[in-house]
Amino acid sequence: MNSPQGIWLEIFSIIVAIVLGFLVAEWREARAESQRSNLALQRIAQEVERNREAMERVQPYYEGILNQMDSIGTENLDVATDLTDWEGFNPIALQTSAYQIALQTGLLSNIDFEMATAISLYYAACEDFRSTADYAKQSLLLGQLQTAQQNYTLLELFRQHCGVLLNYTRHLQEDYLYDH
């Protein structure tokens, strides 16, 4: 028959094994969650880079058209289509899907608070740009952009949004995303 010390040793061994099993399972889950968060950050970094490239392509257009309007004077311009190189408002469709997925799956809860704040601010600026683009589309459909000054104001908004987004992009990429 087993001695009382042997029984207690066996019970203790079982308890230690169970506790170790829980700890290993918890460690594996935390590691997998960290890997998913890092993958989400990599996708966000790619998305931010694509958005940056799109903004850098379109911002010179806005600046060129605005410079033309400044030199002519909006009061001397009948319609924006009279401008050289006029191609319309050209709002870009900024990508936000990687951020939306990371947000909905809770993967951003596993990252540094300051990084999550910087990412959120960047995407809030993207949403502001999208809202301005939606306003432009709606105004065009309703025929509300009839004067050169109205066109100028909208183009200036797009130019300013690009500047803000590029600043947020630089901050996000240099301070947070290039490390991942």
N, C-alpha and C. Protein backbone atom coordinates (compact mmCIF):
# COMPACT_ATOMS: atom_id res chain seq x y z
N MET A 1 0.83 -1.17 0.00
CA MET A 1 0.00 0.00 0.00
C MET A 1 0.88 1.23 0.00
N ASN A 2 0.35 2.29 -0.61
CA ASN A 2 1.12 3.52 -0.68
C ASN A 2 1.15 4.21 0.67
N SER A 3 2.25 4.87 0.92
CA SER A 3 2.38 5.61 2.17
C SER A 3 1.67 6.96 2.03
N PRO A 4 1.28 7.58 3.14
CA PRO A 4 0.62 8.90 3.07
C PRO A 4 1.51 9.94 2.40
N GLN A 5 2.81 9.82 2.60
CA GLN A 5 3.72 10.78 1.94
C GLN A 5 3.69 10.59 0.43
N GLY A 6 3.64 9.37 -0.03
CA GLY A 6 3.60 9.06 -1.46
C GLY A 6 2.31 9.58 -2.09
N ILE A 7 1.19 9.45 -1.38
CA ILE A 7 -0.09 9.95 -1.89
C ILE A 7 -0.04 11.47 -2.03
N TRP A 8 0.47 12.14 -1.00
CA TRP A 8 0.57 13.61 -1.04
C TRP A 8 1.52 14.07 -2.15
N LEU A 9 2.59 13.34 -2.34
CA LEU A 9 3.53 13.66 -3.40
C LEU A 9 2.87 13.50 -4.77
N GLU A 10 2.09 12.46 -4.92
CA GLU A 10 1.38 12.22 -6.17
C GLU A 10 0.34 13.32 -6.42
N ILE A 11 -0.43 13.70 -5.41
CA ILE A 11 -1.43 14.77 -5.52
C ILE A 11 -0.74 16.08 -5.87
N PHE A 12 0.37 16.35 -5.18
CA PHE A 12 1.13 17.58 -5.46
C PHE A 12 1.63 17.60 -6.89
N SER A 13 2.13 16.46 -7.38
CA SER A 13 2.63 16.36 -8.76
C SER A 13 1.51 16.61 -9.76
N ILE A 14 0.34 16.08 -9.51
CA ILE A 14 -0.81 16.29 -10.39
C ILE A 14 -1.20 17.76 -10.43
N ILE A 15 -1.24 18.40 -9.27
CA ILE A 15 -1.59 19.82 -9.19
C ILE A 15 -0.58 20.67 -9.95
N VAL A 16 0.70 20.38 -9.74
CA VAL A 16 1.75 21.12 -10.45
C VAL A 16 1.61 20.91 -11.95
N ALA A 17 1.34 19.71 -12.40
CA ALA A 17 1.19 19.42 -13.82
C ALA A 17 0.00 20.19 -14.40
N ILE A 18 -1.10 20.23 -13.67
CA ILE A 18 -2.29 20.96 -14.14
C ILE A 18 -2.00 22.45 -14.23
N VAL A 19 -1.37 23.01 -13.21
CA VAL A 19 -1.04 24.44 -13.21
C VAL A 19 -0.08 24.76 -14.35
N LEU A 20 0.94 23.93 -14.53
CA LEU A 20 1.88 24.13 -15.64
C LEU A 20 1.18 24.04 -16.99
N GLY A 21 0.25 23.12 -17.11
CA GLY A 21 -0.52 22.98 -18.35
C GLY A 21 -1.30 24.24 -18.66
N PHE A 22 -1.95 24.81 -17.63
CA PHE A 22 -2.68 26.07 -17.83
C PHE A 22 -1.74 27.21 -18.21
N LEU A 23 -0.60 27.28 -17.54
CA LEU A 23 0.35 28.34 -17.84
C LEU A 23 0.89 28.24 -19.27
N VAL A 24 1.20 27.03 -19.71
CA VAL A 24 1.70 26.84 -21.08
C VAL A 24 0.62 27.19 -22.09
N ALA A 25 -0.61 26.77 -21.83
CA ALA A 25 -1.71 27.08 -22.75
C ALA A 25 -1.94 28.59 -22.83
N GLU A 26 -1.89 29.26 -21.68
CA GLU A 26 -2.06 30.71 -21.64
C GLU A 26 -0.91 31.42 -22.37
N TRP A 27 0.31 30.93 -22.18
CA TRP A 27 1.47 31.51 -22.85
C TRP A 27 1.34 31.36 -24.37
N ARG A 28 0.92 30.16 -24.82
CA ARG A 28 0.74 29.93 -26.26
C ARG A 28 -0.32 30.86 -26.84
N GLU A 29 -1.42 31.02 -26.13
CA GLU A 29 -2.50 31.89 -26.60
C GLU A 29 -2.02 33.34 -26.67
N ALA A 30 -1.29 33.79 -25.67
CA ALA A 30 -0.77 35.17 -25.67
C ALA A 30 0.21 35.36 -26.83
N ARG A 31 1.02 34.37 -27.08
CA ARG A 31 1.99 34.44 -28.18
C ARG A 31 1.26 34.49 -29.53
N ALA A 32 0.25 33.66 -29.69
CA ALA A 32 -0.53 33.65 -30.94
C ALA A 32 -1.25 34.99 -31.13
N GLU A 33 -1.79 35.53 -30.06
CA GLU A 33 -2.47 36.83 -30.13
C GLU A 33 -1.48 37.94 -30.50
N SER A 34 -0.29 37.87 -29.94
CA SER A 34 0.76 38.84 -30.27
C SER A 34 1.15 38.74 -31.74
N GLN A 35 1.25 37.53 -32.25
CA GLN A 35 1.58 37.33 -33.67
C GLN A 35 0.47 37.88 -34.56
N ARG A 36 -0.79 37.68 -34.17
CA ARG A 36 -1.91 38.22 -34.95
C ARG A 36 -1.88 39.75 -34.92
N SER A 37 -1.56 40.32 -33.77
CA SER A 37 -1.47 41.79 -33.66
C SER A 37 -0.34 42.32 -34.54
N ASN A 38 0.80 41.64 -34.53
CA ASN A 38 1.93 42.07 -35.38
C ASN A 38 1.58 41.97 -36.86
N LEU A 39 0.86 40.93 -37.24
CA LEU A 39 0.42 40.79 -38.63
C LEU A 39 -0.55 41.91 -38.99
N ALA A 40 -1.45 42.24 -38.08
CA ALA A 40 -2.39 43.35 -38.32
C ALA A 40 -1.62 44.66 -38.48
N LEU A 41 -0.60 44.88 -37.66
CA LEU A 41 0.20 46.10 -37.78
C LEU A 41 0.95 46.13 -39.11
N GLN A 42 1.43 44.99 -39.57
CA GLN A 42 2.10 44.95 -40.88
C GLN A 42 1.12 45.32 -41.99
N ARG A 43 -0.09 44.82 -41.90
CA ARG A 43 -1.10 45.15 -42.92
C ARG A 43 -1.49 46.62 -42.85
N ILE A 44 -1.59 47.14 -41.64
CA ILE A 44 -1.89 48.57 -41.49
C ILE A 44 -0.75 49.39 -42.09
N ALA A 45 0.49 48.97 -41.82
CA ALA A 45 1.65 49.69 -42.37
C ALA A 45 1.61 49.69 -43.90
N GLN A 46 1.23 48.58 -44.50
CA GLN A 46 1.12 48.51 -45.96
C GLN A 46 0.01 49.43 -46.47
N GLU A 47 -1.09 49.43 -45.75
CA GLU A 47 -2.22 50.27 -46.13
C GLU A 47 -1.85 51.76 -46.03
N VAL A 48 -1.19 52.13 -44.96
CA VAL A 48 -0.75 53.51 -44.77
C VAL A 48 0.21 53.91 -45.89
N GLU A 49 1.10 53.01 -46.26
CA GLU A 49 2.06 53.30 -47.33
C GLU A 49 1.33 53.52 -48.67
N ARG A 50 0.36 52.67 -48.98
CA ARG A 50 -0.41 52.84 -50.22
C ARG A 50 -1.16 54.17 -50.21
N ASN A 51 -1.72 54.52 -49.07
CA ASN A 51 -2.44 55.80 -48.95
C ASN A 51 -1.47 56.97 -49.13
N ARG A 52 -0.28 56.85 -48.54
CA ARG A 52 0.73 57.91 -48.68
C ARG A 52 1.08 58.11 -50.15
N GLU A 53 1.32 57.02 -50.85
CA GLU A 53 1.67 57.11 -52.27
C GLU A 53 0.55 57.79 -53.07
N ALA A 54 -0.69 57.45 -52.76
CA ALA A 54 -1.83 58.06 -53.47
C ALA A 54 -1.91 59.56 -53.16
N MET A 55 -1.69 59.93 -51.91
CA MET A 55 -1.75 61.36 -51.54
C MET A 55 -0.62 62.13 -52.20
N GLU A 56 0.56 61.54 -52.23
CA GLU A 56 1.69 62.22 -52.87
C GLU A 56 1.49 62.39 -54.37
N ARG A 57 0.72 61.48 -54.98
CA ARG A 57 0.42 61.62 -56.41
C ARG A 57 -0.59 62.74 -56.65
N VAL A 58 -1.58 62.89 -55.78
CA VAL A 58 -2.68 63.83 -56.04
C VAL A 58 -2.42 65.23 -55.48
N GLN A 59 -1.64 65.36 -54.43
CA GLN A 59 -1.44 66.68 -53.83
C GLN A 59 -0.86 67.70 -54.82
N PRO A 60 0.12 67.36 -55.65
CA PRO A 60 0.61 68.35 -56.62
C PRO A 60 -0.48 68.84 -57.58
N TYR A 61 -1.42 67.97 -57.91
CA TYR A 61 -2.53 68.37 -58.77
C TYR A 61 -3.33 69.48 -58.09
N TYR A 62 -3.71 69.25 -56.82
CA TYR A 62 -4.48 70.27 -56.10
C TYR A 62 -3.70 71.57 -56.02
N GLU A 63 -2.42 71.49 -55.69
CA GLU A 63 -1.61 72.70 -55.57
C GLU A 63 -1.50 73.42 -56.90
N GLY A 64 -1.31 72.68 -58.00
CA GLY A 64 -1.21 73.30 -59.32
C GLY A 64 -2.49 74.01 -59.72
N ILE A 65 -3.61 73.34 -59.53
CA ILE A 65 -4.90 73.95 -59.89
C ILE A 65 -5.16 75.17 -59.01
N LEU A 66 -4.88 75.06 -57.72
CA LEU A 66 -5.09 76.20 -56.82
C LEU A 66 -4.18 77.37 -57.20
N ASN A 67 -2.94 77.09 -57.58
CA ASN A 67 -2.03 78.16 -58.02
C ASN A 67 -2.56 78.85 -59.27
N GLN A 68 -3.10 78.05 -60.21
CA GLN A 68 -3.70 78.65 -61.40
C GLN A 68 -4.87 79.56 -61.02
N MET A 69 -5.69 79.07 -60.12
CA MET A 69 -6.86 79.86 -59.69
C MET A 69 -6.41 81.13 -58.97
N ASP A 70 -5.35 81.01 -58.18
CA ASP A 70 -4.83 82.21 -57.50
C ASP A 70 -4.31 83.23 -58.51
N SER A 71 -3.61 82.76 -59.54
CA SER A 71 -3.03 83.70 -60.50
C SER A 71 -4.10 84.34 -61.39
N ILE A 72 -5.13 83.59 -61.72
CA ILE A 72 -6.22 84.14 -62.52
C ILE A 72 -7.17 84.97 -61.66
N GLY A 73 -7.40 84.48 -60.47
CA GLY A 73 -8.38 85.10 -59.57
C GLY A 73 -9.72 84.42 -59.79
N THR A 74 -10.30 83.93 -58.71
CA THR A 74 -11.56 83.18 -58.85
C THR A 74 -12.68 84.06 -59.40
N GLU A 75 -12.58 85.39 -59.17
CA GLU A 75 -13.62 86.28 -59.70
C GLU A 75 -13.51 86.43 -61.21
N ASN A 76 -12.35 86.12 -61.79
CA ASN A 76 -12.14 86.21 -63.24
C ASN A 76 -12.31 84.87 -63.95
N LEU A 77 -12.65 83.84 -63.20
CA LEU A 77 -12.75 82.50 -63.76
C LEU A 77 -14.22 82.10 -63.80
N ASP A 78 -14.69 81.77 -64.98
CA ASP A 78 -16.10 81.39 -65.10
C ASP A 78 -16.35 80.00 -64.51
N VAL A 79 -15.63 79.03 -65.03
CA VAL A 79 -15.79 77.65 -64.55
C VAL A 79 -14.41 77.02 -64.41
N ALA A 80 -14.32 76.06 -63.50
CA ALA A 80 -13.03 75.42 -63.25
C ALA A 80 -12.52 74.65 -64.46
N THR A 81 -13.41 74.22 -65.32
CA THR A 81 -12.98 73.45 -66.50
C THR A 81 -12.18 74.30 -67.48
N ASP A 82 -12.18 75.62 -67.29
CA ASP A 82 -11.36 76.50 -68.13
C ASP A 82 -9.88 76.43 -67.75
N LEU A 83 -9.56 75.81 -66.64
CA LEU A 83 -8.18 75.73 -66.18
C LEU A 83 -7.39 74.70 -66.98
N THR A 84 -6.11 74.98 -67.17
CA THR A 84 -5.21 74.03 -67.81
C THR A 84 -5.06 72.82 -66.89
N ASP A 85 -5.07 71.64 -67.45
CA ASP A 85 -4.89 70.39 -66.69
C ASP A 85 -6.03 70.06 -65.74
N TRP A 86 -7.19 70.71 -65.88
CA TRP A 86 -8.32 70.41 -64.99
C TRP A 86 -8.79 68.99 -65.24
N GLU A 87 -8.83 68.19 -64.18
CA GLU A 87 -9.29 66.81 -64.26
C GLU A 87 -10.39 66.53 -63.24
N GLY A 88 -11.02 67.56 -62.76
CA GLY A 88 -12.05 67.38 -61.73
C GLY A 88 -11.44 67.46 -60.34
N PHE A 89 -12.20 67.03 -59.38
CA PHE A 89 -11.73 67.14 -57.99
C PHE A 89 -10.75 66.04 -57.62
N ASN A 90 -10.87 64.88 -58.23
CA ASN A 90 -9.94 63.77 -58.02
C ASN A 90 -9.72 63.37 -56.56
N PRO A 91 -10.77 63.21 -55.79
CA PRO A 91 -10.53 62.72 -54.43
C PRO A 91 -10.09 61.26 -54.49
N ILE A 92 -9.12 60.91 -53.67
CA ILE A 92 -8.63 59.54 -53.68
C ILE A 92 -9.45 58.69 -52.71
N ALA A 93 -9.57 57.44 -53.01
CA ALA A 93 -10.26 56.50 -52.12
C ALA A 93 -9.21 55.89 -51.20
N LEU A 94 -9.11 56.44 -50.02
CA LEU A 94 -8.12 55.94 -49.06
C LEU A 94 -8.55 54.57 -48.54
N GLN A 95 -7.59 53.70 -48.38
CA GLN A 95 -7.87 52.35 -47.90
C GLN A 95 -7.90 52.35 -46.37
N THR A 96 -8.88 51.64 -45.83
CA THR A 96 -9.01 51.55 -44.37
C THR A 96 -9.36 50.13 -43.91
N SER A 97 -9.37 49.17 -44.82
CA SER A 97 -9.86 47.83 -44.46
C SER A 97 -8.98 47.13 -43.42
N ALA A 98 -7.67 47.26 -43.50
CA ALA A 98 -6.80 46.59 -42.52
C ALA A 98 -7.08 47.13 -41.12
N TYR A 99 -7.27 48.44 -41.03
CA TYR A 99 -7.58 49.05 -39.73
C TYR A 99 -8.95 48.59 -39.23
N GLN A 100 -9.94 48.57 -40.11
CA GLN A 100 -11.28 48.16 -39.70
C GLN A 100 -11.29 46.72 -39.19
N ILE A 101 -10.58 45.85 -39.88
CA ILE A 101 -10.52 44.44 -39.45
C ILE A 101 -9.81 44.33 -38.10
N ALA A 102 -8.69 45.03 -37.95
CA ALA A 102 -7.95 44.99 -36.68
C ALA A 102 -8.81 45.54 -35.54
N LEU A 103 -9.57 46.58 -35.83
CA LEU A 103 -10.44 47.17 -34.82
C LEU A 103 -11.56 46.22 -34.43
N GLN A 104 -12.20 45.63 -35.42
CA GLN A 104 -13.34 44.74 -35.17
C GLN A 104 -12.93 43.44 -34.48
N THR A 105 -11.72 42.98 -34.73
CA THR A 105 -11.27 41.73 -34.11
C THR A 105 -10.56 41.96 -32.78
N GLY A 106 -10.42 43.23 -32.38
CA GLY A 106 -9.81 43.53 -31.10
C GLY A 106 -8.29 43.44 -31.08
N LEU A 107 -7.66 43.33 -32.25
CA LEU A 107 -6.21 43.17 -32.28
C LEU A 107 -5.46 44.43 -31.85
N LEU A 108 -6.11 45.59 -31.94
CA LEU A 108 -5.44 46.82 -31.52
C LEU A 108 -5.38 46.94 -30.00
N SER A 109 -6.16 46.13 -29.30
CA SER A 109 -6.12 46.18 -27.83
C SER A 109 -4.83 45.58 -27.28
N ASN A 110 -4.08 44.90 -28.13
CA ASN A 110 -2.84 44.26 -27.70
C ASN A 110 -1.60 45.09 -27.98
N ILE A 111 -1.77 46.30 -28.48
CA ILE A 111 -0.61 47.11 -28.82
C ILE A 111 -0.49 48.29 -27.85
N ASP A 112 0.63 48.93 -27.92
CA ASP A 112 0.93 50.09 -27.08
C ASP A 112 -0.15 51.16 -27.25
N PHE A 113 -0.56 51.78 -26.15
CA PHE A 113 -1.64 52.78 -26.17
C PHE A 113 -1.29 53.96 -27.07
N GLU A 114 -0.06 54.44 -27.01
CA GLU A 114 0.33 55.58 -27.84
C GLU A 114 0.29 55.22 -29.33
N MET A 115 0.71 54.01 -29.66
CA MET A 115 0.65 53.57 -31.05
C MET A 115 -0.81 53.47 -31.50
N ALA A 116 -1.65 52.89 -30.68
CA ALA A 116 -3.07 52.76 -31.02
C ALA A 116 -3.69 54.14 -31.21
N THR A 117 -3.30 55.11 -30.39
CA THR A 117 -3.81 56.48 -30.52
C THR A 117 -3.35 57.10 -31.83
N ALA A 118 -2.07 56.92 -32.18
CA ALA A 118 -1.55 57.47 -33.43
C ALA A 118 -2.26 56.84 -34.64
N ILE A 119 -2.50 55.55 -34.58
CA ILE A 119 -3.21 54.87 -35.67
C ILE A 119 -4.64 55.40 -35.76
N SER A 120 -5.30 55.54 -34.64
CA SER A 120 -6.68 56.04 -34.63
C SER A 120 -6.77 57.46 -35.17
N LEU A 121 -5.82 58.32 -34.80
CA LEU A 121 -5.81 59.69 -35.31
C LEU A 121 -5.61 59.72 -36.82
N TYR A 122 -4.73 58.88 -37.31
CA TYR A 122 -4.49 58.79 -38.75
C TYR A 122 -5.79 58.41 -39.47
N TYR A 123 -6.45 57.37 -38.98
CA TYR A 123 -7.66 56.91 -39.66
C TYR A 123 -8.83 57.86 -39.47
N ALA A 124 -8.84 58.64 -38.40
CA ALA A 124 -9.86 59.69 -38.25
C ALA A 124 -9.65 60.76 -39.32
N ALA A 125 -8.39 61.08 -39.61
CA ALA A 125 -8.08 62.04 -40.68
C ALA A 125 -8.49 61.47 -42.04
N CYS A 126 -8.31 60.16 -42.24
CA CYS A 126 -8.78 59.51 -43.48
C CYS A 126 -10.29 59.64 -43.60
N GLU A 127 -10.99 59.48 -42.49
CA GLU A 127 -12.45 59.62 -42.50
C GLU A 127 -12.87 61.05 -42.82
N ASP A 128 -12.13 62.04 -42.32
CA ASP A 128 -12.42 63.44 -42.66
C ASP A 128 -12.28 63.66 -44.16
N PHE A 129 -11.22 63.11 -44.75
CA PHE A 129 -11.01 63.23 -46.18
C PHE A 129 -12.16 62.57 -46.94
N ARG A 130 -12.56 61.38 -46.50
CA ARG A 130 -13.67 60.68 -47.15
C ARG A 130 -14.96 61.49 -47.05
N SER A 131 -15.20 62.12 -45.91
CA SER A 131 -16.40 62.94 -45.74
C SER A 131 -16.39 64.12 -46.71
N THR A 132 -15.23 64.74 -46.88
CA THR A 132 -15.12 65.85 -47.84
C THR A 132 -15.35 65.34 -49.26
N ALA A 133 -14.83 64.16 -49.58
CA ALA A 133 -15.04 63.58 -50.91
C ALA A 133 -16.53 63.28 -51.12
N ASP A 134 -17.20 62.76 -50.10
CA ASP A 134 -18.63 62.50 -50.21
C ASP A 134 -19.41 63.80 -50.40
N TYR A 135 -19.00 64.84 -49.68
CA TYR A 135 -19.64 66.15 -49.84
C TYR A 135 -19.44 66.66 -51.27
N ALA A 136 -18.24 66.49 -51.81
CA ALA A 136 -17.96 66.94 -53.18
C ALA A 136 -18.84 66.20 -54.18
N LYS A 137 -18.94 64.88 -54.04
CA LYS A 137 -19.78 64.10 -54.95
C LYS A 137 -21.23 64.55 -54.87
N GLN A 138 -21.73 64.70 -53.65
CA GLN A 138 -23.12 65.12 -53.44
C GLN A 138 -23.34 66.51 -54.04
N SER A 139 -22.41 67.42 -53.81
CA SER A 139 -22.54 68.78 -54.33
C SER A 139 -22.52 68.80 -55.85
N LEU A 140 -21.69 67.96 -56.44
CA LEU A 140 -21.65 67.87 -57.91
C LEU A 140 -22.97 67.34 -58.45
N LEU A 141 -23.49 66.28 -57.81
CA LEU A 141 -24.75 65.69 -58.26
C LEU A 141 -25.91 66.67 -58.16
N LEU A 142 -25.90 67.50 -57.13
CA LEU A 142 -26.98 68.45 -56.92
C LEU A 142 -26.74 69.79 -57.62
N GLY A 143 -25.61 69.92 -58.31
CA GLY A 143 -25.31 71.15 -59.03
C GLY A 143 -25.00 72.33 -58.12
N GLN A 144 -24.45 72.06 -56.95
CA GLN A 144 -24.19 73.12 -55.98
C GLN A 144 -22.80 73.74 -56.12
N LEU A 145 -21.95 73.20 -56.98
CA LEU A 145 -20.61 73.76 -57.17
C LEU A 145 -20.60 74.53 -58.48
N GLN A 146 -21.18 75.72 -58.43
CA GLN A 146 -21.39 76.48 -59.65
C GLN A 146 -20.38 77.61 -59.84
N THR A 147 -19.75 78.05 -58.78
CA THR A 147 -18.82 79.16 -58.92
C THR A 147 -17.38 78.68 -58.76
N ALA A 148 -16.47 79.45 -59.31
CA ALA A 148 -15.05 79.13 -59.17
C ALA A 148 -14.64 79.17 -57.70
N GLN A 149 -15.23 80.08 -56.93
CA GLN A 149 -14.89 80.19 -55.50
C GLN A 149 -15.32 78.92 -54.75
N GLN A 150 -16.48 78.36 -55.08
CA GLN A 150 -16.91 77.12 -54.45
C GLN A 150 -15.97 75.97 -54.81
N ASN A 151 -15.57 75.90 -56.07
CA ASN A 151 -14.61 74.88 -56.49
C ASN A 151 -13.27 75.08 -55.78
N TYR A 152 -12.84 76.33 -55.69
CA TYR A 152 -11.58 76.65 -55.04
C TYR A 152 -11.60 76.18 -53.59
N THR A 153 -12.67 76.48 -52.89
CA THR A 153 -12.80 76.11 -51.48
C THR A 153 -12.70 74.60 -51.30
N LEU A 154 -13.39 73.87 -52.16
CA LEU A 154 -13.36 72.42 -52.05
C LEU A 154 -11.96 71.87 -52.37
N LEU A 155 -11.33 72.38 -53.40
CA LEU A 155 -9.97 71.94 -53.72
C LEU A 155 -8.99 72.28 -52.60
N GLU A 156 -9.18 73.43 -51.98
CA GLU A 156 -8.32 73.81 -50.85
C GLU A 156 -8.53 72.85 -49.69
N LEU A 157 -9.76 72.43 -49.47
CA LEU A 157 -10.02 71.43 -48.41
C LEU A 157 -9.29 70.12 -48.71
N PHE A 158 -9.35 69.66 -49.96
CA PHE A 158 -8.63 68.44 -50.32
C PHE A 158 -7.13 68.61 -50.12
N ARG A 159 -6.59 69.76 -50.52
CA ARG A 159 -5.16 70.01 -50.36
C ARG A 159 -4.77 69.99 -48.88
N GLN A 160 -5.59 70.64 -48.05
CA GLN A 160 -5.30 70.67 -46.61
C GLN A 160 -5.39 69.27 -46.01
N HIS A 161 -6.41 68.51 -46.41
CA HIS A 161 -6.52 67.13 -45.92
C HIS A 161 -5.28 66.32 -46.29
N CYS A 162 -4.80 66.48 -47.51
CA CYS A 162 -3.59 65.75 -47.92
C CYS A 162 -2.41 66.14 -47.04
N GLY A 163 -2.25 67.41 -46.76
CA GLY A 163 -1.16 67.85 -45.89
C GLY A 163 -1.26 67.25 -44.50
N VAL A 164 -2.46 67.27 -43.94
CA VAL A 164 -2.66 66.69 -42.60
C VAL A 164 -2.39 65.19 -42.63
N LEU A 165 -2.93 64.52 -43.62
CA LEU A 165 -2.72 63.08 -43.71
C LEU A 165 -1.26 62.72 -43.90
N LEU A 166 -0.55 63.50 -44.69
CA LEU A 166 0.88 63.21 -44.88
C LEU A 166 1.65 63.43 -43.58
N ASN A 167 1.27 64.42 -42.79
CA ASN A 167 1.92 64.62 -41.49
C ASN A 167 1.64 63.46 -40.55
N TYR A 168 0.37 63.04 -40.47
CA TYR A 168 0.02 61.88 -39.64
C TYR A 168 0.75 60.63 -40.13
N THR A 169 0.86 60.49 -41.46
CA THR A 169 1.54 59.34 -42.04
C THR A 169 3.00 59.31 -41.62
N ARG A 170 3.68 60.45 -41.76
CA ARG A 170 5.10 60.51 -41.36
C ARG A 170 5.26 60.14 -39.89
N HIS A 171 4.43 60.72 -39.04
CA HIS A 171 4.50 60.43 -37.61
C HIS A 171 4.28 58.94 -37.35
N LEU A 172 3.25 58.39 -37.95
CA LEU A 172 2.91 57.00 -37.74
C LEU A 172 4.02 56.07 -38.25
N GLN A 173 4.51 56.34 -39.45
CA GLN A 173 5.53 55.47 -40.02
C GLN A 173 6.86 55.59 -39.28
N GLU A 174 7.30 56.80 -39.01
CA GLU A 174 8.61 56.99 -38.39
C GLU A 174 8.63 56.57 -36.92
N ASP A 175 7.55 56.85 -36.20
CA ASP A 175 7.56 56.60 -34.76
C ASP A 175 7.03 55.24 -34.35
N TYR A 176 6.26 54.59 -35.24
CA TYR A 176 5.62 53.34 -34.80
C TYR A 176 5.72 52.19 -35.81
N LEU A 177 5.37 52.43 -37.05
CA LEU A 177 5.18 51.32 -37.97
C LEU A 177 6.46 50.78 -38.60
N TYR A 178 7.50 51.58 -38.71
CA TYR A 178 8.71 51.06 -39.33
C TYR A 178 9.42 50.03 -38.45
N ASP A 179 9.11 50.02 -37.18
CA ASP A 179 9.73 49.05 -36.27
C ASP A 179 9.12 47.67 -36.41
N HIS A 180 7.96 47.59 -37.04
CA HIS A 180 7.24 46.30 -37.09
C HIS A 180 7.40 45.65 -38.39
